[in-house]
Amino acid sequence: MFQRLRAIQTIVATGIFGALCFLVTAFLGIPYAGGAGYFSFGDAISLLATYLFGPIVGLGTALIGGVFADLANGYALFIPSTILAKSIMVLASFGVMFLLRKHPRLSVFGIFVGGLLMPFGYLPIYLSLYAEAAWVSFGFDVVQGVGCALIAMLLSLPLSKALGHHPESKSM
């Protein structure tokens, strides 16, 4: 009975956070000058979901939000890179959180690591499409990853307390 309830909670949390991530990414993005993409707050939602609920909900959130936002905004070419980048972000984030699980106040730094590594998932397509100009888009992605990580870090501890979640008790 407990496993079934846990599965339902995971599906519901993934759906809610995935939808929120999509909405924030698709409709609240801040465009960069020259059409070099946009700043998306969706990564903050994905990192927060990873911190609060673990890697399954975090990855589901990131992929639902990122892939559907790419489709909605006309960036279908970037879907494979989005899958790679968001997977790197969530798995690196949770990996650091897992390593620091005995220190819940420090485990929040996993969020920062995930945000910092996310742009590397987009780098191969940027290099193939833009050559040397790829570093401009990569730089924008670093700003997005770090900015969203900081937002998620600020929200993570108060929200985990409010929800009664204990990050150190999550497992893969």
Protein backbone atom coordinates (compact mmCIF):
# COMPACT_ATOMS: atom_id res chain seq x y z
CA MET A 1 0.00 0.00 0.00
CA PHE A 2 2.80 2.43 0.92
CA GLN A 3 4.64 1.79 -2.37
CA ARG A 4 1.50 2.46 -4.36
CA LEU A 5 0.88 5.72 -2.50
CA ARG A 6 4.51 6.72 -3.02
CA ALA A 7 4.20 6.02 -6.76
CA ILE A 8 1.07 8.17 -6.99
CA GLN A 9 2.79 11.00 -5.09
CA THR A 10 5.76 10.80 -7.47
CA ILE A 11 3.53 10.94 -10.55
CA VAL A 12 1.50 13.85 -9.17
CA ALA A 13 4.57 15.85 -8.09
CA THR A 14 6.21 15.24 -11.49
CA GLY A 15 3.08 16.37 -13.33
CA ILE A 16 2.58 19.50 -11.25
CA PHE A 17 6.23 20.58 -11.28
CA GLY A 18 6.62 19.59 -14.96
CA ALA A 19 3.63 21.75 -15.91
CA LEU A 20 4.95 24.64 -13.82
CA CYS A 21 8.39 24.27 -15.40
CA PHE A 22 6.85 24.30 -18.89
CA LEU A 23 4.76 27.39 -18.18
CA VAL A 24 7.67 29.30 -16.67
CA THR A 25 10.03 28.26 -19.47
CA ALA A 26 7.68 28.80 -22.40
CA PHE A 27 5.97 31.99 -21.28
CA LEU A 28 8.25 33.80 -18.82
CA GLY A 29 11.54 33.53 -20.69
CA ILE A 30 13.57 36.71 -21.04
CA PRO A 31 14.98 36.90 -24.61
CA TYR A 32 18.66 37.60 -25.12
CA ALA A 33 19.77 40.27 -27.56
CA GLY A 34 20.32 39.15 -31.12
CA GLY A 35 18.07 36.09 -30.87
CA ALA A 36 20.67 34.09 -28.92
CA GLY A 37 18.01 32.27 -26.91
CA TYR A 38 16.33 33.29 -23.69
CA PHE A 39 16.79 33.20 -19.92
CA SER A 40 14.48 30.54 -18.53
CA PHE A 41 13.41 30.26 -14.93
CA GLY A 42 12.39 26.65 -15.56
CA ASP A 43 15.75 25.38 -14.36
CA ALA A 44 15.01 26.81 -10.92
CA ILE A 45 11.79 24.76 -10.82
CA SER A 46 13.65 21.60 -11.92
CA LEU A 47 16.44 22.06 -9.39
CA LEU A 48 13.92 22.76 -6.66
CA ALA A 49 11.93 19.62 -7.56
CA THR A 50 15.16 17.60 -7.43
CA TYR A 51 15.98 18.95 -3.99
CA LEU A 52 12.49 18.47 -2.58
CA PHE A 53 11.50 15.15 -4.17
CA GLY A 54 14.61 13.46 -5.58
CA PRO A 55 15.99 12.62 -9.02
CA ILE A 56 12.91 10.94 -10.53
CA VAL A 57 10.64 13.95 -9.99
CA GLY A 58 13.50 16.35 -10.79
CA LEU A 59 14.32 14.66 -14.09
CA GLY A 60 10.66 14.33 -15.05
CA THR A 61 10.13 17.99 -14.26
CA ALA A 62 13.16 19.11 -16.26
CA LEU A 63 12.35 16.97 -19.29
CA ILE A 64 8.63 17.76 -19.41
CA GLY A 65 9.27 21.48 -18.99
CA GLY A 66 12.29 21.75 -21.27
CA VAL A 67 11.17 19.52 -24.14
CA PHE A 68 7.64 20.88 -24.35
CA ALA A 69 8.92 24.47 -24.11
CA ASP A 70 11.34 23.76 -26.97
CA LEU A 71 8.41 22.46 -29.04
CA ALA A 72 6.16 25.40 -28.13
CA ASN A 73 8.82 28.02 -28.87
CA GLY A 74 10.08 26.58 -32.17
CA TYR A 75 13.36 25.13 -30.88
CA ALA A 76 12.71 21.46 -31.80
CA LEU A 77 16.29 21.18 -33.12
CA PHE A 78 17.51 21.65 -29.55
CA ILE A 79 15.43 18.85 -27.97
CA PRO A 80 18.29 16.28 -27.88
CA SER A 81 20.56 18.89 -26.31
CA THR A 82 17.84 19.88 -23.86
CA ILE A 83 17.48 16.25 -22.80
CA LEU A 84 21.25 15.98 -22.31
CA ALA A 85 21.61 19.32 -20.51
CA LYS A 86 18.68 18.81 -18.15
CA SER A 87 19.78 15.24 -17.39
CA ILE A 88 23.28 16.46 -16.52
CA MET A 89 21.81 19.22 -14.36
CA VAL A 90 19.47 17.00 -12.35
CA LEU A 91 21.78 13.99 -11.98
CA ALA A 92 24.79 16.11 -10.99
CA SER A 93 22.64 18.06 -8.57
CA PHE A 94 21.24 14.94 -6.93
CA GLY A 95 24.65 13.23 -6.95
CA VAL A 96 26.16 16.01 -4.85
CA MET A 97 23.08 16.07 -2.60
CA PHE A 98 23.42 12.32 -2.13
CA LEU A 99 27.11 12.60 -1.26
CA LEU A 100 26.32 15.33 1.28
CA ARG A 101 23.14 13.64 2.60
CA LYS A 102 24.51 13.50 6.16
CA HIS A 103 24.83 17.29 6.09
CA PRO A 104 21.41 18.55 4.90
CA ARG A 105 22.37 22.21 5.14
CA LEU A 106 25.37 21.58 2.86
CA SER A 107 23.51 19.28 0.47
CA VAL A 108 21.77 22.34 -0.96
CA PHE A 109 25.04 23.10 -2.80
CA GLY A 110 24.18 20.23 -5.12
CA ILE A 111 21.70 22.65 -6.67
CA PHE A 112 24.56 25.00 -7.55
CA VAL A 113 26.67 22.21 -9.07
CA GLY A 114 23.76 21.10 -11.27
CA GLY A 115 23.09 24.64 -12.47
CA LEU A 116 26.76 25.19 -13.21
CA LEU A 117 27.11 21.97 -15.25
CA MET A 118 23.86 22.32 -17.24
CA PRO A 119 25.36 24.48 -20.05
CA PHE A 120 27.77 21.70 -21.02
CA GLY A 121 24.83 19.71 -22.41
CA TYR A 122 24.18 22.46 -24.94
CA LEU A 123 27.82 23.11 -25.88
CA PRO A 124 28.10 20.42 -28.61
CA ILE A 125 25.14 21.78 -30.60
CA TYR A 126 26.31 25.35 -30.11
CA LEU A 127 29.75 24.47 -31.46
CA SER A 128 28.25 22.66 -34.45
CA LEU A 129 25.85 25.49 -35.30
CA TYR A 130 27.70 28.64 -34.31
CA ALA A 131 31.47 27.83 -34.35
CA GLU A 132 33.31 30.46 -32.25
CA ALA A 133 30.08 32.34 -31.54
CA ALA A 134 28.97 29.27 -29.55
CA TRP A 135 30.72 30.68 -26.51
CA VAL A 136 28.26 33.58 -26.39
CA SER A 137 25.30 31.21 -26.07
CA PHE A 138 27.26 29.06 -23.65
CA GLY A 139 27.96 32.15 -21.51
CA PHE A 140 24.27 33.02 -21.46
CA ASP A 141 23.50 29.45 -20.36
CA VAL A 142 26.04 29.73 -17.53
CA VAL A 143 24.27 32.89 -16.34
CA GLN A 144 20.93 31.06 -16.54
CA GLY A 145 22.22 27.95 -14.74
CA VAL A 146 23.86 29.88 -11.91
CA GLY A 147 20.97 32.35 -11.62
CA CYS A 148 18.38 29.58 -11.43
CA ALA A 149 20.53 27.65 -8.98
CA LEU A 150 20.68 30.66 -6.68
CA ILE A 151 16.89 31.10 -6.89
CA ALA A 152 16.34 27.40 -6.16
CA MET A 153 18.84 27.48 -3.27
CA LEU A 154 17.03 30.43 -1.70
CA LEU A 155 13.70 28.63 -1.93
CA SER A 156 14.85 25.10 -1.07
CA LEU A 157 15.31 25.20 2.68
CA PRO A 158 12.17 27.19 3.56
CA LEU A 159 10.04 25.06 1.21
CA SER A 160 11.49 21.78 2.47
CA LYS A 161 10.66 22.85 6.03
CA ALA A 162 7.16 23.99 5.03
CA LEU A 163 6.48 20.70 3.23
CA GLY A 164 8.03 18.62 5.99
CA HIS A 165 10.55 17.14 3.56
CA HIS A 166 13.93 16.03 4.74
CA PRO A 167 16.38 15.98 1.83
CA GLU A 168 18.71 13.55 3.59
CA SER A 169 16.03 10.84 3.51
CA LYS A 170 15.69 10.70 -0.29
CA SER A 171 17.18 7.82 -2.22
CA MET A 172 17.73 7.02 -5.88
